[in-house]
């Protein structure tokens, strides 16, 4: 491809996009220290919206935009990028949930959990080349739908299979997620890059990679935060609040012994300790079940978006000038 001169690099667009992504990351991960609260969150959201508007205004008027906004209107581009966003959201978020599931409900060590997750990476690695070859034969849409369907199954399984052991759920759910990503991503990356002119492939690749990374971040942060909120709410409904730490969180819930000591100091009778343990475990189990159902709903949206991925994007979505050259 043509080497892009430095004078054509959209430095202002790069700075605006970097600032925009930085504010999104700060909103998701939370501010350092005790800075925060509704005012801080509102200011962050306002800053994100302002930067987004300024970025869009600048890119529409730039002679050499960092992101060609007209390209984003191509069905192949937005469908592929939205699909990979949902795919990585479910894969990363689901993996994070199953890791916590194994640790909190199965009491597995970090080393054992790591071994349980290994089949996910292996499945994705083995199926990616197969997905790439199948894309030439059947097109992108069937593979995108199959991949997002497997990711849907990876979070539906823990939501409905309550009698399974934590180890079995971690292995099966993450194998399904790995298989889904292995099948879908070769088709999605080809869709996202073949629908544009050769001079725009770099931009399309960068956009795809950004949505890929954002999906993973959103999955871990949003599903992890929701899990903590649901478990804490369930525990406070089942146990008097004064018997639980004021800053009850997932880290505190990982040690039943510490919670027990705190509750005994606050008036829990020794005869009620076993009931206290069951109440905490039930709150944790219900929280996981609730969040896995939310993840299932999100995965269903991703599956519907995958149905919009064109079967042959390069043939239907390439700009008119390129089609004229191909047929001339």
Protein backbone atom coordinates (compact mmCIF):
# COMPACT_ATOMS: atom_id res chain seq x y z
CA UNK A 1 0.00 0.00 0.00
CA UNK A 2 0.98 3.66 -0.29
CA UNK A 3 3.18 5.07 2.47
CA UNK A 4 1.21 7.82 4.21
CA UNK A 5 3.24 11.06 4.58
CA UNK A 6 3.48 12.47 8.09
CA UNK A 7 1.73 15.63 6.86
CA UNK A 8 -1.40 13.55 6.16
CA UNK A 9 -1.53 12.08 9.67
CA UNK A 10 -4.58 13.33 11.55
CA UNK A 11 -2.76 14.31 14.76
CA UNK A 12 -5.69 16.27 16.19
CA UNK A 13 -8.07 13.40 15.50
CA UNK A 14 -5.65 11.02 17.18
CA UNK A 15 -5.43 13.27 20.26
CA UNK A 16 -9.22 13.64 20.46
CA UNK A 17 -9.81 9.89 20.10
CA UNK A 18 -7.13 9.10 22.68
CA UNK A 19 -8.73 11.51 25.14
CA UNK A 20 -12.16 10.07 24.42
CA UNK A 21 -11.02 6.50 25.07
CA UNK A 22 -9.17 7.64 28.18
CA UNK A 23 -12.34 9.16 29.63
CA UNK A 24 -14.30 6.01 28.78
CA UNK A 25 -11.68 3.93 30.59
CA UNK A 26 -11.82 6.22 33.63
CA UNK A 27 -15.61 5.94 33.68
CA UNK A 28 -15.47 2.15 33.54
CA UNK A 29 -12.60 1.54 35.95
CA UNK A 30 -13.45 4.28 38.42
CA UNK A 31 -11.39 7.23 39.64
CA UNK A 32 -8.32 6.81 41.85
CA UNK A 33 -8.68 7.20 45.60
CA UNK A 34 -11.99 8.43 46.96
CA UNK A 35 -12.72 10.87 44.15
CA UNK A 36 -16.07 9.97 42.68
CA UNK A 37 -19.78 10.26 43.26
CA UNK A 38 -22.63 11.32 40.97
CA UNK A 39 -21.08 14.71 40.17
CA UNK A 40 -17.83 13.12 39.02
CA UNK A 41 -19.66 10.53 36.92
CA UNK A 42 -21.88 13.21 35.37
CA UNK A 43 -18.80 15.30 34.55
CA UNK A 44 -17.13 12.30 32.92
CA UNK A 45 -20.20 11.51 30.82
CA UNK A 46 -20.43 15.16 29.80
CA UNK A 47 -16.76 15.17 28.83
CA UNK A 48 -17.19 11.99 26.79
CA UNK A 49 -20.15 13.42 24.90
CA UNK A 50 -18.35 16.71 24.23
CA UNK A 51 -15.22 15.00 22.96
CA UNK A 52 -17.32 12.66 20.81
CA UNK A 53 -19.10 15.59 19.17
CA UNK A 54 -15.85 17.50 18.61
CA UNK A 55 -14.16 14.38 17.22
CA UNK A 56 -17.04 13.72 14.80
CA UNK A 57 -17.07 17.39 13.72
CA UNK A 58 -13.32 17.36 13.09
CA UNK A 59 -13.30 14.04 11.23
CA UNK A 60 -16.06 15.18 8.86
CA UNK A 61 -14.00 18.22 7.88
CA UNK A 62 -10.52 16.71 7.83
CA UNK A 63 -8.88 16.14 4.45
CA UNK A 64 -7.22 12.98 5.82
CA UNK A 65 -9.45 11.77 8.69
CA UNK A 66 -8.21 9.27 11.21
CA UNK A 67 -11.63 7.59 11.03
CA UNK A 68 -13.66 7.95 7.85
CA UNK A 69 -17.16 8.39 9.29
CA UNK A 70 -18.73 7.65 5.91
CA UNK A 71 -17.12 4.21 6.05
CA UNK A 72 -18.87 3.49 9.34
CA UNK A 73 -22.20 3.62 7.54
CA UNK A 74 -21.33 0.57 5.46
CA UNK A 75 -23.42 -2.38 6.74
CA UNK A 76 -20.44 -4.71 6.68
CA UNK A 77 -18.32 -2.34 8.78
CA UNK A 78 -20.73 -1.58 11.58
CA UNK A 79 -22.16 -5.11 11.70
CA UNK A 80 -18.71 -6.72 11.94
CA UNK A 81 -17.46 -4.26 14.55
CA UNK A 82 -20.62 -4.49 16.65
CA UNK A 83 -20.44 -8.28 16.46
CA UNK A 84 -16.83 -8.46 17.61
CA UNK A 85 -17.63 -6.02 20.42
CA UNK A 86 -20.37 -8.33 21.72
CA UNK A 87 -18.24 -11.42 21.11
CA UNK A 88 -15.34 -10.14 23.24
CA UNK A 89 -17.71 -8.69 25.83
CA UNK A 90 -19.24 -12.12 26.37
CA UNK A 91 -15.96 -14.02 26.14
CA UNK A 92 -14.01 -11.80 28.56
CA UNK A 93 -16.95 -11.10 30.84
CA UNK A 94 -18.07 -14.73 30.87
CA UNK A 95 -14.53 -15.95 31.57
CA UNK A 96 -14.25 -13.48 34.44
CA UNK A 97 -17.56 -14.67 35.90
CA UNK A 98 -16.64 -18.34 35.66
CA UNK A 99 -13.25 -17.69 37.32
CA UNK A 100 -15.03 -16.04 40.26
CA UNK A 101 -17.63 -18.82 40.24
CA UNK A 102 -14.92 -21.45 40.65
CA UNK A 103 -13.16 -19.48 43.37
CA UNK A 104 -16.17 -18.38 45.42
CA UNK A 105 -18.41 -21.44 45.06
CA UNK A 106 -15.86 -24.14 44.26
CA UNK A 107 -13.00 -22.90 46.46
CA UNK A 108 -10.48 -23.71 43.72
CA UNK A 109 -6.97 -22.25 43.85
CA UNK A 110 -5.77 -19.76 41.23
CA UNK A 111 -3.53 -22.43 39.70
CA UNK A 112 -6.39 -24.89 39.34
CA UNK A 113 -8.66 -22.23 37.84
CA UNK A 114 -5.93 -21.40 35.32
CA UNK A 115 -5.75 -25.03 34.27
CA UNK A 116 -9.54 -25.11 33.90
CA UNK A 117 -9.38 -22.10 31.55
CA UNK A 118 -6.71 -23.60 29.29
CA UNK A 119 -9.22 -25.41 27.03
CA UNK A 120 -10.72 -22.03 26.07
CA UNK A 121 -7.50 -20.76 24.53
CA UNK A 122 -6.77 -24.16 22.97
CA UNK A 123 -10.21 -24.37 21.36
CA UNK A 124 -9.96 -20.85 19.96
CA UNK A 125 -6.44 -21.53 18.62
CA UNK A 126 -7.49 -24.78 16.91
CA UNK A 127 -10.69 -23.46 15.37
CA UNK A 128 -9.42 -20.11 14.06
CA UNK A 129 -7.69 -21.62 10.98
CA UNK A 130 -10.77 -23.74 10.30
CA UNK A 131 -12.95 -20.64 10.55
CA UNK A 132 -10.73 -18.85 8.05
CA UNK A 133 -10.99 -21.68 5.51
CA UNK A 134 -14.74 -22.07 5.98
CA UNK A 135 -15.22 -18.35 5.38
CA UNK A 136 -14.06 -18.84 1.78
CA UNK A 137 -16.68 -21.55 1.25
CA UNK A 138 -19.79 -20.46 3.14
CA UNK A 139 -19.27 -16.74 3.62
CA UNK A 140 -18.95 -14.60 6.73
CA UNK A 141 -22.51 -14.57 8.04
CA UNK A 142 -22.92 -18.30 8.86
CA UNK A 143 -19.65 -18.30 10.79
CA UNK A 144 -20.48 -15.08 12.63
CA UNK A 145 -23.88 -16.48 13.63
CA UNK A 146 -22.38 -19.83 14.66
CA UNK A 147 -19.68 -18.11 16.70
CA UNK A 148 -22.05 -15.76 18.50
CA UNK A 149 -24.42 -18.68 19.02
CA UNK A 150 -21.68 -20.59 20.84
CA UNK A 151 -20.90 -17.51 22.93
CA UNK A 152 -24.60 -17.29 23.77
CA UNK A 153 -24.46 -20.92 24.90
CA UNK A 154 -21.35 -20.23 26.99
CA UNK A 155 -23.31 -17.94 29.35
CA UNK A 156 -26.67 -19.69 29.04
CA UNK A 157 -25.15 -22.95 30.30
CA UNK A 158 -24.13 -21.59 33.74
CA UNK A 159 -27.49 -19.83 34.04
CA UNK A 160 -29.55 -23.04 33.68
CA UNK A 161 -27.26 -25.87 34.81
CA UNK A 162 -27.28 -25.33 38.54
CA UNK A 163 -26.44 -28.92 39.47
CA UNK A 164 -23.13 -28.96 37.62
CA UNK A 165 -19.86 -28.82 39.51
CA UNK A 166 -17.97 -25.50 39.26
CA UNK A 167 -15.11 -27.25 37.45
CA UNK A 168 -17.43 -28.69 34.80
CA UNK A 169 -19.11 -25.31 34.25
CA UNK A 170 -15.81 -23.48 33.89
CA UNK A 171 -14.46 -25.99 31.36
CA UNK A 172 -17.61 -26.36 29.25
CA UNK A 173 -18.60 -22.69 29.27
CA UNK A 174 -15.13 -21.52 28.32
CA UNK A 175 -14.70 -24.19 25.66
CA UNK A 176 -17.93 -22.95 24.06
CA UNK A 177 -16.67 -19.36 24.29
CA UNK A 178 -13.31 -20.26 22.79
CA UNK A 179 -14.96 -22.16 19.96
CA UNK A 180 -17.27 -19.22 19.29
CA UNK A 181 -14.45 -16.72 19.08
CA UNK A 182 -12.36 -19.10 16.97
CA UNK A 183 -15.13 -19.49 14.40
CA UNK A 184 -16.41 -15.91 14.34
CA UNK A 185 -13.33 -13.69 14.43
CA UNK A 186 -11.70 -14.75 11.12
CA UNK A 187 -14.98 -14.01 9.34
CA UNK A 188 -15.52 -10.74 11.19
CA UNK A 189 -12.03 -9.36 10.61
CA UNK A 190 -12.26 -10.19 6.91
CA UNK A 191 -15.66 -8.54 6.71
CA UNK A 192 -14.37 -5.43 8.48
CA UNK A 193 -11.38 -5.04 6.15
CA UNK A 194 -12.59 -6.31 2.75
CA UNK A 195 -15.54 -3.91 2.62
CA UNK A 196 -13.30 -0.85 2.18
CA UNK A 197 -10.90 0.50 -0.40
CA UNK A 198 -7.30 -0.79 -0.10
CA UNK A 199 -6.19 2.64 1.14
CA UNK A 200 -8.68 2.36 4.05
CA UNK A 201 -7.71 -1.14 5.21
CA UNK A 202 -5.40 0.22 7.92
CA UNK A 203 -8.16 2.40 9.32
CA UNK A 204 -10.64 -0.48 9.20
CA UNK A 205 -8.19 -2.80 10.96
CA UNK A 206 -7.55 -0.23 13.68
CA UNK A 207 -11.26 0.30 14.22
CA UNK A 208 -11.83 -3.45 14.45
CA UNK A 209 -9.01 -3.86 16.98
CA UNK A 210 -10.37 -0.98 19.06
CA UNK A 211 -13.85 -2.51 19.22
CA UNK A 212 -12.25 -5.86 20.05
CA UNK A 213 -10.41 -4.40 23.05
CA UNK A 214 -13.36 -2.28 24.20
CA UNK A 215 -15.60 -5.34 24.20
CA UNK A 216 -13.24 -7.16 26.55
CA UNK A 217 -12.96 -4.17 28.90
CA UNK A 218 -16.73 -3.60 28.98
CA UNK A 219 -17.37 -7.29 29.61
CA UNK A 220 -15.12 -7.55 32.66
CA UNK A 221 -16.02 -4.21 34.20
CA UNK A 222 -19.77 -4.20 33.63
CA UNK A 223 -20.50 -7.84 34.41
CA UNK A 224 -18.04 -7.83 37.33
CA UNK A 225 -19.61 -4.69 38.82
CA UNK A 226 -23.10 -6.07 38.33
CA UNK A 227 -22.11 -9.34 40.02
CA UNK A 228 -20.76 -7.53 43.06
CA UNK A 229 -23.87 -5.34 43.30
CA UNK A 230 -26.27 -8.28 43.06
CA UNK A 231 -24.40 -10.44 45.61
CA UNK A 232 -24.21 -7.57 48.11
CA UNK A 233 -27.91 -6.79 47.64
CA UNK A 234 -28.84 -10.45 48.09
CA UNK A 235 -26.71 -10.72 51.24
CA UNK A 236 -28.20 -7.57 52.77
CA UNK A 237 -31.71 -8.92 52.17
CA UNK A 238 -30.90 -12.24 53.88
CA UNK A 239 -28.71 -11.02 56.77
CA UNK A 240 -29.12 -8.00 59.08
CA UNK A 241 -26.90 -5.23 57.78
CA UNK A 242 -25.08 -4.63 61.07
CA UNK A 243 -23.62 -8.17 60.88
CA UNK A 244 -21.91 -7.45 57.57
CA UNK A 245 -18.99 -5.09 56.84
CA UNK A 246 -20.04 -1.61 55.73
CA UNK A 247 -17.82 -1.95 52.64
CA UNK A 248 -18.98 -5.46 51.71
CA UNK A 249 -17.51 -6.43 48.33
CA UNK A 250 -16.33 -9.46 46.38
CA UNK A 251 -12.97 -9.49 48.12
CA UNK A 252 -14.65 -9.63 51.53
CA UNK A 253 -17.05 -12.31 50.34
CA UNK A 254 -14.13 -14.53 49.33
CA UNK A 255 -13.39 -15.19 53.02
CA UNK A 256 -16.33 -16.69 54.88
CA UNK A 257 -14.15 -16.97 57.99
CA UNK A 258 -13.56 -13.22 58.15
CA UNK A 259 -17.26 -12.55 57.63
CA UNK A 260 -18.09 -15.03 60.36
CA UNK A 261 -15.71 -13.33 62.83
CA UNK A 262 -17.22 -9.94 62.02
CA UNK A 263 -20.77 -11.25 62.48
CA UNK A 264 -19.91 -12.91 65.82
CA UNK A 265 -18.49 -9.61 67.03
CA UNK A 266 -21.73 -7.91 66.02
CA UNK A 267 -24.03 -10.30 67.88
CA UNK A 268 -24.34 -13.46 65.78
CA UNK A 269 -25.00 -16.45 68.05
CA UNK A 270 -22.63 -19.43 67.69
CA UNK A 271 -25.63 -21.67 67.08
CA UNK A 272 -26.53 -19.57 64.01
CA UNK A 273 -23.10 -19.74 62.33
CA UNK A 274 -24.06 -22.57 59.95
CA UNK A 275 -27.18 -20.68 58.88
CA UNK A 276 -25.06 -17.56 58.36
CA UNK A 277 -22.74 -19.53 56.06
CA UNK A 278 -25.69 -20.90 54.05
CA UNK A 279 -27.18 -17.42 53.70
CA UNK A 280 -23.91 -16.02 52.33
CA UNK A 281 -23.48 -18.94 49.92
CA UNK A 282 -27.08 -18.62 48.73
CA UNK A 283 -26.59 -14.87 48.15
CA UNK A 284 -23.47 -15.57 46.11
CA UNK A 285 -25.14 -18.35 44.08
CA UNK A 286 -28.21 -16.18 43.37
CA UNK A 287 -25.99 -13.29 42.32
CA UNK A 288 -24.15 -15.45 39.81
CA UNK A 289 -27.42 -16.81 38.45
CA UNK A 290 -28.85 -13.31 38.00
CA UNK A 291 -25.75 -11.98 36.22
CA UNK A 292 -25.42 -15.02 33.95
CA UNK A 293 -29.01 -14.36 32.81
CA UNK A 294 -28.11 -10.73 32.10
CA UNK A 295 -25.08 -11.92 30.14
CA UNK A 296 -27.35 -14.31 28.23
CA UNK A 297 -29.56 -11.39 27.22
CA UNK A 298 -26.55 -9.37 26.05
CA UNK A 299 -25.27 -12.38 24.11
CA UNK A 300 -28.65 -12.72 22.43
CA UNK A 301 -28.36 -9.13 21.21
CA UNK A 302 -24.91 -9.97 19.83
CA UNK A 303 -26.32 -13.02 18.07
CA UNK A 304 -29.00 -10.87 16.42
CA UNK A 305 -26.36 -8.36 15.30
CA UNK A 306 -24.31 -11.21 13.81
CA UNK A 307 -27.29 -12.08 11.61
CA UNK A 308 -26.78 -8.67 9.92
CA UNK A 309 -23.22 -9.43 8.82
CA UNK A 310 -23.23 -9.64 5.00
CA UNK A 311 -22.37 -13.02 3.54
CA UNK A 312 -19.98 -11.53 0.95
CA UNK A 313 -19.14 -7.97 2.08
CA UNK A 314 -16.43 -7.32 -0.53
CA UNK A 315 -18.92 -7.92 -3.32
CA UNK A 316 -21.82 -5.86 -1.99
CA UNK A 317 -20.31 -3.06 0.09
CA UNK A 318 -17.26 -1.83 -1.81
CA UNK A 319 -17.52 1.78 -3.00
CA UNK A 320 -18.90 2.50 -6.44
CA UNK A 321 -15.56 3.70 -7.81
CA UNK A 322 -13.91 0.43 -6.94
CA UNK A 323 -16.73 -1.58 -8.48
CA UNK A 324 -16.37 0.43 -11.68
CA UNK A 325 -12.65 -0.34 -11.84
CA UNK A 326 -13.30 -4.02 -11.22
CA UNK A 327 -15.85 -4.25 -14.01
CA UNK A 328 -14.16 -1.90 -16.46
